[in-house]
């Protein structure tokens, strides 16, 4: 009988997509998702097996009695699901959706793994890490992580290589699942400072919010830059492989995908990220990858523009062998397998 793995991933794509990637790289287990209503549409489209539970944050406000009631309901739902399906292990990917399910798993003495995606451990994972010694980290030097934590990296989908590559130099701009609004204004201005010769040899592929698409398309036309502007790219791996340089926020999954393709990147940590975790993600990422980290609030446009032009058109990048970077890691999948085998 195949082992059952329950993945708890609610709220944001940052918690969900690593869990989905895990299921796409391994077919030896039966995977079930425990989610909240916010990501149900994504799970449905992927045709993954899931159960929806109640959950809530523990913020102190007028709604705290309702929030506690939701957590208790989610706990009871999780308890019943675990009793019925008898999972071999439960993996929490952070966010407050994990709270009721991890507590239920602890009470039922089901093995638990906590996975922290960011370089600063979130409050929920910090709290839940007292319930298990099995803590997996994307970044080796994660702030607030316990000494018993294991460096696993973050699950990413299998690497794909593009079949159709252009002779033009290519900059790929990705801003997360909804696109970064700041990039719609910043990136065209950055590229506007390129030399006329460079502009003729360049194409920009950019993910843009719907409300910014017309402005961005028109801006590139005015500065005579070839561009492909989309609200969403179905196969981001195709774009990552084709790119000569990537401009991005610093979500842990996106950084892992950039690392997979070993591309130079221009990184803009989201200033409002919780605990400034995107900045710390970028700092940790830079230890093994070639990138420039920029603060959008203190930004020398002309200086960075010249640097980016040099990287895209002139600089030969020193390739970092991915095998060297991965040798120190025990992958999350292997960590799960190890614990299941030890407790068989």
C-alpha atoms as a PDB file:
ATOM      1  CA  UNK A   1       0.000   0.000   0.000  1.00  0.00           C
ATOM      2  CA  UNK A   2       1.297   3.460  -0.956  1.00  0.00           C
ATOM      3  CA  UNK A   3       2.149   5.854   1.859  1.00  0.00           C
ATOM      4  CA  UNK A   4      -0.171   8.829   2.346  1.00  0.00           C
ATOM      5  CA  UNK A   5       1.275  12.317   2.683  1.00  0.00           C
ATOM      6  CA  UNK A   6      -0.920  15.234   3.740  1.00  0.00           C
ATOM      7  CA  UNK A   7       0.339  18.658   2.623  1.00  0.00           C
ATOM      8  CA  UNK A   8      -0.997  21.685   4.500  1.00  0.00           C
ATOM      9  CA  UNK A   9      -0.732  24.774   2.325  1.00  0.00           C
ATOM     10  CA  UNK A  10      -3.211  27.588   2.628  1.00  0.00           C
ATOM     11  CA  UNK A  11      -3.369  31.283   1.962  1.00  0.00           C
ATOM     12  CA  UNK A  12      -0.692  32.425  -0.444  1.00  0.00           C
ATOM     13  CA  UNK A  13       1.056  30.961  -3.466  1.00  0.00           C
ATOM     14  CA  UNK A  14       4.325  31.120  -1.511  1.00  0.00           C
ATOM     15  CA  UNK A  15       3.027  28.344   0.741  1.00  0.00           C
ATOM     16  CA  UNK A  16       1.120  26.454  -1.947  1.00  0.00           C
ATOM     17  CA  UNK A  17       3.425  26.234  -4.983  1.00  0.00           C
ATOM     18  CA  UNK A  18       6.304  24.406  -3.239  1.00  0.00           C
ATOM     19  CA  UNK A  19       3.769  21.797  -2.090  1.00  0.00           C
ATOM     20  CA  UNK A  20       2.415  21.441  -5.636  1.00  0.00           C
ATOM     21  CA  UNK A  21       5.972  21.146  -6.991  1.00  0.00           C
ATOM     22  CA  UNK A  22       6.608  18.283  -4.574  1.00  0.00           C
ATOM     23  CA  UNK A  23       3.674  16.316  -6.032  1.00  0.00           C
ATOM     24  CA  UNK A  24       4.915  16.978  -9.572  1.00  0.00           C
ATOM     25  CA  UNK A  25       8.395  15.587  -8.885  1.00  0.00           C
ATOM     26  CA  UNK A  26       7.285  12.427  -7.102  1.00  0.00           C
ATOM     27  CA  UNK A  27       4.634   9.788  -7.831  1.00  0.00           C
ATOM     28  CA  UNK A  28       5.537   7.248  -5.139  1.00  0.00           C
ATOM     29  CA  UNK A  29       3.166   8.672  -2.501  1.00  0.00           C
ATOM     30  CA  UNK A  30      -0.538   9.470  -2.404  1.00  0.00           C
ATOM     31  CA  UNK A  31      -0.729  13.211  -1.771  1.00  0.00           C
ATOM     32  CA  UNK A  32      -3.666  15.025  -0.202  1.00  0.00           C
ATOM     33  CA  UNK A  33      -3.885  18.776   0.331  1.00  0.00           C
ATOM     34  CA  UNK A  34      -5.427  20.492   3.334  1.00  0.00           C
ATOM     35  CA  UNK A  35      -6.249  24.056   2.288  1.00  0.00           C
ATOM     36  CA  UNK A  36      -8.488  27.009   3.062  1.00  0.00           C
ATOM     37  CA  UNK A  37     -10.903  28.695   0.646  1.00  0.00           C
ATOM     38  CA  UNK A  38      -8.369  31.237  -0.671  1.00  0.00           C
ATOM     39  CA  UNK A  39      -6.495  28.822  -2.923  1.00  0.00           C
ATOM     40  CA  UNK A  40      -9.225  26.352  -3.821  1.00  0.00           C
ATOM     41  CA  UNK A  41      -9.412  27.495  -7.464  1.00  0.00           C
ATOM     42  CA  UNK A  42      -5.706  26.778  -8.023  1.00  0.00           C
ATOM     43  CA  UNK A  43      -5.983  23.284  -6.544  1.00  0.00           C
ATOM     44  CA  UNK A  44      -9.097  22.536  -8.616  1.00  0.00           C
ATOM     45  CA  UNK A  45      -7.372  23.547 -11.853  1.00  0.00           C
ATOM     46  CA  UNK A  46      -4.460  21.260 -11.005  1.00  0.00           C
ATOM     47  CA  UNK A  47      -6.933  18.416 -10.353  1.00  0.00           C
ATOM     48  CA  UNK A  48      -5.254  17.542  -7.070  1.00  0.00           C
ATOM     49  CA  UNK A  49      -6.921  15.706  -4.183  1.00  0.00           C
ATOM     50  CA  UNK A  50      -7.798  18.125  -1.408  1.00  0.00           C
ATOM     51  CA  UNK A  51      -9.918  18.859   1.641  1.00  0.00           C
ATOM     52  CA  UNK A  52     -10.962  22.352   2.667  1.00  0.00           C
ATOM     53  CA  UNK A  53     -10.796  23.260   6.350  1.00  0.00           C
ATOM     54  CA  UNK A  54     -11.463  26.293   8.514  1.00  0.00           C
ATOM     55  CA  UNK A  55      -8.535  28.291   9.847  1.00  0.00           C
ATOM     56  CA  UNK A  56      -7.724  31.785  11.001  1.00  0.00           C
ATOM     57  CA  UNK A  57      -4.934  34.009  12.228  1.00  0.00           C
ATOM     58  CA  UNK A  58      -4.539  34.727  15.930  1.00  0.00           C
ATOM     59  CA  UNK A  59      -4.472  38.486  15.632  1.00  0.00           C
ATOM     60  CA  UNK A  60      -5.805  40.250  18.698  1.00  0.00           C
ATOM     61  CA  UNK A  61      -8.811  42.280  17.576  1.00  0.00           C
ATOM     62  CA  UNK A  62     -12.581  42.379  17.936  1.00  0.00           C
ATOM     63  CA  UNK A  63     -12.893  39.212  15.829  1.00  0.00           C
ATOM     64  CA  UNK A  64     -10.683  37.023  18.017  1.00  0.00           C
ATOM     65  CA  UNK A  65     -13.622  34.916  19.393  1.00  0.00           C
ATOM     66  CA  UNK A  66     -14.640  34.113  15.785  1.00  0.00           C
ATOM     67  CA  UNK A  67     -11.025  33.408  14.823  1.00  0.00           C
ATOM     68  CA  UNK A  68     -10.582  30.982  17.740  1.00  0.00           C
ATOM     69  CA  UNK A  69     -13.849  29.255  16.799  1.00  0.00           C
ATOM     70  CA  UNK A  70     -12.535  28.787  13.223  1.00  0.00           C
ATOM     71  CA  UNK A  71      -9.292  27.269  14.497  1.00  0.00           C
ATOM     72  CA  UNK A  72     -11.218  24.851  16.731  1.00  0.00           C
ATOM     73  CA  UNK A  73     -13.433  23.880  13.775  1.00  0.00           C
ATOM     74  CA  UNK A  74     -10.349  23.363  11.580  1.00  0.00           C
ATOM     75  CA  UNK A  75      -8.782  21.256  14.319  1.00  0.00           C
ATOM     76  CA  UNK A  76     -11.866  19.008  14.541  1.00  0.00           C
ATOM     77  CA  UNK A  77     -12.047  18.705  10.731  1.00  0.00           C
ATOM     78  CA  UNK A  78      -8.357  17.749  10.584  1.00  0.00           C
ATOM     79  CA  UNK A  79      -8.771  15.268  13.414  1.00  0.00           C
ATOM     80  CA  UNK A  80     -11.603  13.462  11.610  1.00  0.00           C
ATOM     81  CA  UNK A  81      -9.744  13.462   8.270  1.00  0.00           C
ATOM     82  CA  UNK A  82      -6.577  12.041   9.822  1.00  0.00           C
ATOM     83  CA  UNK A  83      -8.520   9.332  11.681  1.00  0.00           C
ATOM     84  CA  UNK A  84     -10.283   8.370   8.451  1.00  0.00           C
ATOM     85  CA  UNK A  85      -7.336   8.471   6.023  1.00  0.00           C
ATOM     86  CA  UNK A  86      -4.472   7.544   8.395  1.00  0.00           C
ATOM     87  CA  UNK A  87      -1.642   9.591   6.827  1.00  0.00           C
ATOM     88  CA  UNK A  88       1.931   8.397   7.307  1.00  0.00           C
ATOM     89  CA  UNK A  89       3.138  11.964   7.625  1.00  0.00           C
ATOM     90  CA  UNK A  90       1.797  15.525   7.642  1.00  0.00           C
ATOM     91  CA  UNK A  91       3.859  18.337   6.077  1.00  0.00           C
ATOM     92  CA  UNK A  92       3.051  21.955   6.965  1.00  0.00           C
ATOM     93  CA  UNK A  93       4.203  24.675   4.577  1.00  0.00           C
ATOM     94  CA  UNK A  94       3.554  27.599   6.918  1.00  0.00           C
ATOM     95  CA  UNK A  95       0.790  30.152   7.186  1.00  0.00           C
ATOM     96  CA  UNK A  96      -1.976  30.037   9.742  1.00  0.00           C
ATOM     97  CA  UNK A  97      -3.809  27.261   7.845  1.00  0.00           C
ATOM     98  CA  UNK A  98      -1.189  24.915   9.333  1.00  0.00           C
ATOM     99  CA  UNK A  99      -2.141  25.612  12.957  1.00  0.00           C
ATOM    100  CA  UNK A 100      -5.240  23.393  13.456  1.00  0.00           C
ATOM    101  CA  UNK A 101      -3.926  20.522  11.315  1.00  0.00           C
ATOM    102  CA  UNK A 102      -0.459  20.326  12.857  1.00  0.00           C
ATOM    103  CA  UNK A 103      -1.964  20.351  16.362  1.00  0.00           C
ATOM    104  CA  UNK A 104      -4.363  17.546  15.325  1.00  0.00           C
ATOM    105  CA  UNK A 105      -1.460  15.523  13.874  1.00  0.00           C
ATOM    106  CA  UNK A 106       0.523  15.966  17.102  1.00  0.00           C
ATOM    107  CA  UNK A 107      -2.371  14.727  19.245  1.00  0.00           C
ATOM    108  CA  UNK A 108      -2.800  11.670  17.003  1.00  0.00           C
ATOM    109  CA  UNK A 109       0.976  11.030  17.115  1.00  0.00           C
ATOM    110  CA  UNK A 110       1.341  11.346  13.333  1.00  0.00           C
ATOM    111  CA  UNK A 111       4.821  12.320  12.168  1.00  0.00           C
ATOM    112  CA  UNK A 112       5.126  16.008  11.293  1.00  0.00           C
ATOM    113  CA  UNK A 113       7.468  18.050   9.112  1.00  0.00           C
ATOM    114  CA  UNK A 114       7.463  21.850   9.130  1.00  0.00           C
ATOM    115  CA  UNK A 115       8.854  23.439   5.960  1.00  0.00           C
ATOM    116  CA  UNK A 116       9.970  27.077   6.078  1.00  0.00           C
ATOM    117  CA  UNK A 117      10.226  28.705   2.653  1.00  0.00           C
ATOM    118  CA  UNK A 118      11.872  31.991   3.628  1.00  0.00           C
ATOM    119  CA  UNK A 119      15.166  33.092   5.172  1.00  0.00           C
ATOM    120  CA  UNK A 120      13.231  34.393   8.182  1.00  0.00           C
ATOM    121  CA  UNK A 121      11.014  31.800   9.862  1.00  0.00           C
ATOM    122  CA  UNK A 122       7.404  32.994  10.002  1.00  0.00           C
ATOM    123  CA  UNK A 123       5.527  33.347  13.297  1.00  0.00           C
ATOM    124  CA  UNK A 124       3.292  30.335  12.628  1.00  0.00           C
ATOM    125  CA  UNK A 125       6.226  28.042  11.866  1.00  0.00           C
ATOM    126  CA  UNK A 126       8.094  29.346  14.895  1.00  0.00           C
ATOM    127  CA  UNK A 127       5.134  28.396  17.066  1.00  0.00           C
ATOM    128  CA  UNK A 128       4.597  24.998  15.418  1.00  0.00           C
ATOM    129  CA  UNK A 129       8.300  24.113  15.509  1.00  0.00           C
ATOM    130  CA  UNK A 130       7.852  23.353  19.231  1.00  0.00           C
ATOM    131  CA  UNK A 131       5.685  20.383  18.208  1.00  0.00           C
ATOM    132  CA  UNK A 132       8.304  18.606  16.072  1.00  0.00           C
ATOM    133  CA  UNK A 133      12.042  18.222  15.591  1.00  0.00           C
ATOM    134  CA  UNK A 134      11.536  17.670  11.861  1.00  0.00           C
ATOM    135  CA  UNK A 135      12.054  21.171  10.487  1.00  0.00           C
ATOM    136  CA  UNK A 136      13.053  21.685   6.850  1.00  0.00           C
ATOM    137  CA  UNK A 137      14.608  24.924   5.591  1.00  0.00           C
ATOM    138  CA  UNK A 138      14.908  26.438   2.131  1.00  0.00           C
ATOM    139  CA  UNK A 139      17.893  28.524   3.267  1.00  0.00           C
ATOM    140  CA  UNK A 140      20.642  27.108   5.452  1.00  0.00           C
ATOM    141  CA  UNK A 141      20.966  30.199   7.644  1.00  0.00           C
ATOM    142  CA  UNK A 142      17.292  30.851   8.322  1.00  0.00           C
ATOM    143  CA  UNK A 143      16.660  33.368  11.075  1.00  0.00           C
ATOM    144  CA  UNK A 144      14.840  31.981  14.174  1.00  0.00           C
ATOM    145  CA  UNK A 145      15.271  28.363  13.002  1.00  0.00           C
ATOM    146  CA  UNK A 146      16.178  25.731  15.596  1.00  0.00           C
ATOM    147  CA  UNK A 147      19.551  23.964  15.588  1.00  0.00           C
ATOM    148  CA  UNK A 148      17.894  20.642  14.754  1.00  0.00           C
ATOM    149  CA  UNK A 149      16.609  22.030  11.432  1.00  0.00           C
ATOM    150  CA  UNK A 150      17.588  20.350   8.149  1.00  0.00           C
ATOM    151  CA  UNK A 151      18.609  22.245   5.004  1.00  0.00           C
ATOM    152  CA  UNK A 152      16.439  20.810   2.213  1.00  0.00           C
ATOM    153  CA  UNK A 153      16.000  23.704  -0.177  1.00  0.00           C
ATOM    154  CA  UNK A 154      12.556  24.206  -1.664  1.00  0.00           C
ATOM    155  CA  UNK A 155      10.736  21.822  -4.027  1.00  0.00           C
ATOM    156  CA  UNK A 156      10.708  22.959  -7.664  1.00  0.00           C
ATOM    157  CA  UNK A 157       9.276  21.314 -10.743  1.00  0.00           C
ATOM    158  CA  UNK A 158      11.607  19.285 -13.009  1.00  0.00           C
ATOM    159  CA  UNK A 159      13.769  21.442 -15.261  1.00  0.00           C
ATOM    160  CA  UNK A 160      12.628  21.893 -18.868  1.00  0.00           C
ATOM    161  CA  UNK A 161      14.675  23.214 -21.769  1.00  0.00           C
ATOM    162  CA  UNK A 162      13.179  25.464 -24.428  1.00  0.00           C
ATOM    163  CA  UNK A 163      13.302  24.336 -28.069  1.00  0.00           C
ATOM    164  CA  UNK A 164      12.905  27.799 -29.627  1.00  0.00           C
ATOM    165  CA  UNK A 165      15.526  30.350 -28.707  1.00  0.00           C
ATOM    166  CA  UNK A 166      15.794  33.773 -30.320  1.00  0.00           C
ATOM    167  CA  UNK A 167      19.019  35.399 -31.505  1.00  0.00           C
ATOM    168  CA  UNK A 168      17.931  38.541 -29.680  1.00  0.00           C
ATOM    169  CA  UNK A 169      19.145  39.156 -26.142  1.00  0.00           C
ATOM    170  CA  UNK A 170      16.283  38.595 -23.749  1.00  0.00           C
ATOM    171  CA  UNK A 171      15.275  40.106 -20.415  1.00  0.00           C
ATOM    172  CA  UNK A 172      12.509  38.328 -18.518  1.00  0.00           C
ATOM    173  CA  UNK A 173      10.605  40.310 -15.889  1.00  0.00           C
ATOM    174  CA  UNK A 174       8.514  38.379 -13.379  1.00  0.00           C
ATOM    175  CA  UNK A 175       6.776  39.877 -10.367  1.00  0.00           C
ATOM    176  CA  UNK A 176       5.070  36.980  -8.679  1.00  0.00           C
ATOM    177  CA  UNK A 177       1.639  35.539  -9.405  1.00  0.00           C
ATOM    178  CA  UNK A 178       0.084  38.974 -10.031  1.00  0.00           C
ATOM    179  CA  UNK A 179       3.097  40.853 -11.396  1.00  0.00           C
ATOM    180  CA  UNK A 180       4.871  43.670  -9.540  1.00  0.00           C
ATOM    181  CA  UNK A 181       3.292  47.055 -10.182  1.00  0.00           C
ATOM    182  CA  UNK A 182       6.569  48.865  -9.618  1.00  0.00           C
ATOM    183  CA  UNK A 183       8.188  46.936 -12.501  1.00  0.00           C
ATOM    184  CA  UNK A 184       5.718  48.398 -15.019  1.00  0.00           C
ATOM    185  CA  UNK A 185       7.190  51.832 -14.354  1.00  0.00           C
ATOM    186  CA  UNK A 186      10.733  50.986 -13.370  1.00  0.00           C
ATOM    187  CA  UNK A 187      11.881  48.417 -15.949  1.00  0.00           C
ATOM    188  CA  UNK A 188      10.990  50.387 -19.130  1.00  0.00           C
ATOM    189  CA  UNK A 189      12.833  53.408 -17.702  1.00  0.00           C
ATOM    190  CA  UNK A 190      15.790  51.197 -16.864  1.00  0.00           C
ATOM    191  CA  UNK A 191      15.972  49.884 -20.432  1.00  0.00           C
ATOM    192  CA  UNK A 192      15.364  53.327 -21.940  1.00  0.00           C
ATOM    193  CA  UNK A 193      18.938  54.208 -20.926  1.00  0.00           C
ATOM    194  CA  UNK A 194      20.462  51.417 -23.040  1.00  0.00           C
ATOM    195  CA  UNK A 195      22.432  52.426 -26.119  1.00  0.00           C
ATOM    196  CA  UNK A 196      20.612  52.473 -29.468  1.00  0.00           C
ATOM    197  CA  UNK A 197      22.727  49.543 -30.623  1.00  0.00           C
ATOM    198  CA  UNK A 198      21.721  47.439 -27.611  1.00  0.00           C
ATOM    199  CA  UNK A 199      18.042  48.311 -27.989  1.00  0.00           C
ATOM    200  CA  UNK A 200      17.990  46.849 -31.505  1.00  0.00           C
ATOM    201  CA  UNK A 201      19.292  43.516 -30.230  1.00  0.00           C
ATOM    202  CA  UNK A 202      16.919  43.216 -27.278  1.00  0.00           C
ATOM    203  CA  UNK A 203      13.499  41.793 -26.494  1.00  0.00           C
ATOM    204  CA  UNK A 204      11.770  42.252 -23.124  1.00  0.00           C
ATOM    205  CA  UNK A 205       9.323  39.620 -21.891  1.00  0.00           C
ATOM    206  CA  UNK A 206       7.374  40.983 -18.950  1.00  0.00           C
ATOM    207  CA  UNK A 207       4.603  39.877 -16.631  1.00  0.00           C
ATOM    208  CA  UNK A 208       2.330  42.842 -15.946  1.00  0.00           C
ATOM    209  CA  UNK A 209      -0.855  43.506 -14.003  1.00  0.00           C
ATOM    210  CA  UNK A 210      -3.926  43.864 -16.233  1.00  0.00           C
ATOM    211  CA  UNK A 211      -4.414  47.503 -15.296  1.00  0.00           C
ATOM    212  CA  UNK A 212      -0.812  48.311 -16.306  1.00  0.00           C
ATOM    213  CA  UNK A 213      -0.656  46.430 -19.616  1.00  0.00           C
ATOM    214  CA  UNK A 214      -1.647  49.264 -21.954  1.00  0.00           C
ATOM    215  CA  UNK A 215       0.803  51.697 -20.326  1.00  0.00           C
ATOM    216  CA  UNK A 216       3.686  49.190 -20.452  1.00  0.00           C
ATOM    217  CA  UNK A 217       3.058  48.151 -24.077  1.00  0.00           C
ATOM    218  CA  UNK A 218       2.928  51.793 -25.197  1.00  0.00           C
ATOM    219  CA  UNK A 219       6.073  52.719 -23.265  1.00  0.00           C
ATOM    220  CA  UNK A 220       8.119  50.003 -24.985  1.00  0.00           C
ATOM    221  CA  UNK A 221       6.757  51.102 -28.370  1.00  0.00           C
ATOM    222  CA  UNK A 222       7.833  54.690 -27.674  1.00  0.00           C
ATOM    223  CA  UNK A 223      11.391  53.677 -26.803  1.00  0.00           C
ATOM    224  CA  UNK A 224      11.451  51.210 -29.746  1.00  0.00           C
ATOM    225  CA  UNK A 225      11.997  48.042 -27.738  1.00  0.00           C
ATOM    226  CA  UNK A 226      10.566  44.725 -28.881  1.00  0.00           C
ATOM    227  CA  UNK A 227       8.419  43.277 -26.136  1.00  0.00           C
ATOM    228  CA  UNK A 228       6.070  40.466 -25.143  1.00  0.00           C
ATOM    229  CA  UNK A 229       3.701  41.627 -22.408  1.00  0.00           C
ATOM    230  CA  UNK A 230       1.406  39.177 -20.641  1.00  0.00           C
ATOM    231  CA  UNK A 231      -0.610  39.120 -17.445  1.00  0.00           C
ATOM    232  CA  UNK A 232       0.451  35.534 -16.794  1.00  0.00           C
ATOM    233  CA  UNK A 233       2.884  33.067 -18.381  1.00  0.00           C
ATOM    234  CA  UNK A 234       1.611  29.491 -18.360  1.00  0.00           C
ATOM    235  CA  UNK A 235       5.075  28.006 -18.608  1.00  0.00           C
ATOM    236  CA  UNK A 236       7.479  30.200 -16.688  1.00  0.00           C
ATOM    237  CA  UNK A 237      10.254  27.614 -17.124  1.00  0.00           C
ATOM    238  CA  UNK A 238      10.260  28.247 -20.867  1.00  0.00           C
ATOM    239  CA  UNK A 239      10.848  31.959 -20.224  1.00  0.00           C
ATOM    240  CA  UNK A 240      13.503  31.335 -17.574  1.00  0.00           C
ATOM    241  CA  UNK A 241      15.468  29.109 -19.947  1.00  0.00           C
ATOM    242  CA  UNK A 242      15.361  31.635 -22.808  1.00  0.00           C
ATOM    243  CA  UNK A 243      16.332  34.644 -20.672  1.00  0.00           C
ATOM    244  CA  UNK A 244      19.778  36.234 -20.581  1.00  0.00           C
ATOM    245  CA  UNK A 245      18.828  38.171 -17.461  1.00  0.00           C
ATOM    246  CA  UNK A 246      15.865  37.924 -15.073  1.00  0.00           C
ATOM    247  CA  UNK A 247      14.330  40.788 -13.108  1.00  0.00           C
ATOM    248  CA  UNK A 248      12.293  39.591 -10.166  1.00  0.00           C
ATOM    249  CA  UNK A 249      10.954  39.939  -6.657  1.00  0.00           C
ATOM    250  CA  UNK A 250      12.473  37.612  -4.082  1.00  0.00           C
ATOM    251  CA  UNK A 251       9.886  34.995  -3.232  1.00  0.00           C
ATOM    252  CA  UNK A 252      11.662  31.777  -2.301  1.00  0.00           C
ATOM    253  CA  UNK A 253      10.045  29.658  -5.046  1.00  0.00           C
ATOM    254  CA  UNK A 254      10.959  32.158  -7.766  1.00  0.00           C
ATOM    255  CA  UNK A 255      14.560  32.339  -6.535  1.00  0.00           C
ATOM    256  CA  UNK A 256      14.785  28.539  -6.545  1.00  0.00           C
ATOM    257  CA  UNK A 257      13.560  28.471 -10.145  1.00  0.00           C
ATOM    258  CA  UNK A 258      16.111  31.124 -11.165  1.00  0.00           C
ATOM    259  CA  UNK A 259      18.813  29.032  -9.462  1.00  0.00           C
ATOM    260  CA  UNK A 260      17.624  25.951 -11.357  1.00  0.00           C
ATOM    261  CA  UNK A 261      18.455  27.707 -14.641  1.00  0.00           C
ATOM    262  CA  UNK A 262      21.617  29.355 -13.315  1.00  0.00           C
ATOM    263  CA  UNK A 263      20.744  32.809 -14.685  1.00  0.00           C
ATOM    264  CA  UNK A 264      21.983  36.231 -13.640  1.00  0.00           C
ATOM    265  CA  UNK A 265      19.216  38.166 -11.896  1.00  0.00           C
ATOM    266  CA  UNK A 266      18.363  41.706 -10.859  1.00  0.00           C
ATOM    267  CA  UNK A 267      16.445  41.357  -7.603  1.00  0.00           C
ATOM    268  CA  UNK A 268      14.047  43.789  -5.957  1.00  0.00           C
ATOM    269  CA  UNK A 269      12.974  42.550  -2.514  1.00  0.00           C
ATOM    270  CA  UNK A 270       9.421  43.584  -1.662  1.00  0.00           C
ATOM    271  CA  UNK A 271       9.898  46.316   1.004  1.00  0.00           C
ATOM    272  CA  UNK A 272       6.621  45.437   2.740  1.00  0.00           C
ATOM    273  CA  UNK A 273       7.310  41.681   3.040  1.00  0.00           C
ATOM    274  CA  UNK A 274       6.723  40.291   6.544  1.00  0.00           C
ATOM    275  CA  UNK A 275       9.875  40.541   8.695  1.00  0.00           C
ATOM    276  CA  UNK A 276      11.593  41.904   5.560  1.00  0.00           C
ATOM    277  CA  UNK A 277      11.990  38.238   4.561  1.00  0.00           C
ATOM    278  CA  UNK A 278      12.418  38.959   0.838  1.00  0.00           C
ATOM    279  CA  UNK A 279      15.547  40.972   1.570  1.00  0.00           C
ATOM    280  CA  UNK A 280      16.984  38.102   3.619  1.00  0.00           C
ATOM    281  CA  UNK A 281      15.965  35.620   0.904  1.00  0.00           C
ATOM    282  CA  UNK A 282      17.967  37.666  -1.604  1.00  0.00           C
ATOM    283  CA  UNK A 283      21.009  37.910   0.694  1.00  0.00           C
ATOM    284  CA  UNK A 284      21.062  34.127   1.187  1.00  0.00           C
ATOM    285  CA  UNK A 285      20.447  33.521  -2.528  1.00  0.00           C
ATOM    286  CA  UNK A 286      23.406  35.737  -3.455  1.00  0.00           C
ATOM    287  CA  UNK A 287      25.825  33.459  -1.571  1.00  0.00           C
ATOM    288  CA  UNK A 288      25.529  30.825  -4.338  1.00  0.00           C
ATOM    289  CA  UNK A 289      24.131  32.779  -7.292  1.00  0.00           C
ATOM    290  CA  UNK A 290      25.052  35.780  -9.414  1.00  0.00           C
ATOM    291  CA  UNK A 291      22.718  38.706  -8.873  1.00  0.00           C
ATOM    292  CA  UNK A 292      22.358  42.384  -8.077  1.00  0.00           C
ATOM    293  CA  UNK A 293      20.101  43.259  -5.129  1.00  0.00           C
ATOM    294  CA  UNK A 294      18.378  46.632  -5.434  1.00  0.00           C
ATOM    295  CA  UNK A 295      16.311  48.702  -3.038  1.00  0.00           C
ATOM    296  CA  UNK A 296      13.536  50.304  -5.087  1.00  0.00           C
ATOM    297  CA  UNK A 297      13.334  53.161  -2.528  1.00  0.00           C
ATOM    298  CA  UNK A 298      17.016  54.072  -3.010  1.00  0.00           C
ATOM    299  CA  UNK A 299      17.618  53.398  -6.643  1.00  0.00           C
ATOM    300  CA  UNK A 300      20.234  54.935  -8.972  1.00  0.00           C
ATOM    301  CA  UNK A 301      18.480  54.301 -12.279  1.00  0.00           C
ATOM    302  CA  UNK A 302      21.312  55.267 -14.659  1.00  0.00           C
ATOM    303  CA  UNK A 303      23.986  53.395 -12.732  1.00  0.00           C
ATOM    304  CA  UNK A 304      21.981  50.148 -12.550  1.00  0.00           C
ATOM    305  CA  UNK A 305      20.913  50.549 -16.178  1.00  0.00           C
ATOM    306  CA  UNK A 306      24.527  50.602 -17.366  1.00  0.00           C
ATOM    307  CA  UNK A 307      25.311  47.630 -15.160  1.00  0.00           C
ATOM    308  CA  UNK A 308      22.391  45.630 -16.548  1.00  0.00           C
ATOM    309  CA  UNK A 309      23.287  46.495 -20.159  1.00  0.00           C
ATOM    310  CA  UNK A 310      26.839  45.317 -19.520  1.00  0.00           C
ATOM    311  CA  UNK A 311      25.621  42.028 -18.039  1.00  0.00           C
ATOM    312  CA  UNK A 312      23.178  41.298 -20.873  1.00  0.00           C
ATOM    313  CA  UNK A 313      25.462  42.205 -23.774  1.00  0.00           C
ATOM    314  CA  UNK A 314      29.082  41.938 -22.670  1.00  0.00           C
ATOM    315  CA  UNK A 315      29.691  40.046 -19.476  1.00  0.00           C
ATOM    316  CA  UNK A 316      30.552  36.346 -19.610  1.00  0.00           C
ATOM    317  CA  UNK A 317      28.995  34.731 -16.575  1.00  0.00           C
ATOM    318  CA  UNK A 318      30.864  32.236 -14.483  1.00  0.00           C
ATOM    319  CA  UNK A 319      28.622  29.191 -14.275  1.00  0.00           C
ATOM    320  CA  UNK A 320      28.145  27.797 -10.783  1.00  0.00           C
ATOM    321  CA  UNK A 321      27.724  24.039 -10.905  1.00  0.00           C
ATOM    322  CA  UNK A 322      24.324  23.203  -9.453  1.00  0.00           C
ATOM    323  CA  UNK A 323      25.647  19.862  -8.178  1.00  0.00           C
ATOM    324  CA  UNK A 324      28.032  21.693  -5.836  1.00  0.00           C
ATOM    325  CA  UNK A 325      25.182  23.741  -4.413  1.00  0.00           C
ATOM    326  CA  UNK A 326      22.953  20.738  -3.927  1.00  0.00           C
ATOM    327  CA  UNK A 327      25.486  18.449  -2.287  1.00  0.00           C
ATOM    328  CA  UNK A 328      24.888  19.965   1.155  1.00  0.00           C
ATOM    329  CA  UNK A 329      21.116  19.451   0.935  1.00  0.00           C
ATOM    330  CA  UNK A 330      18.851  16.600   1.831  1.00  0.00           C
ATOM    331  CA  UNK A 331      15.854  17.257  -0.420  1.00  0.00           C
ATOM    332  CA  UNK A 332      12.446  17.643   1.179  1.00  0.00           C
ATOM    333  CA  UNK A 333      11.232  14.549  -0.679  1.00  0.00           C
ATOM    334  CA  UNK A 334      14.119  12.476   0.692  1.00  0.00           C
ATOM    335  CA  UNK A 335      13.514  13.928   4.149  1.00  0.00           C
ATOM    336  CA  UNK A 336       9.883  12.741   3.958  1.00  0.00           C
ATOM    337  CA  UNK A 337      10.974   9.295   2.723  1.00  0.00           C
ATOM    338  CA  UNK A 338      13.568   9.032   5.510  1.00  0.00           C
ATOM    339  CA  UNK A 339      11.013   9.726   8.248  1.00  0.00           C
ATOM    340  CA  UNK A 340       8.412   7.363   6.760  1.00  0.00           C
ATOM    341  CA  UNK A 341      10.972   4.544   6.501  1.00  0.00           C
ATOM    342  CA  UNK A 342      12.251   5.151  10.046  1.00  0.00           C
ATOM    343  CA  UNK A 343       8.704   4.874  11.397  1.00  0.00           C
ATOM    344  CA  UNK A 344       7.462   2.012   9.238  1.00  0.00           C
END
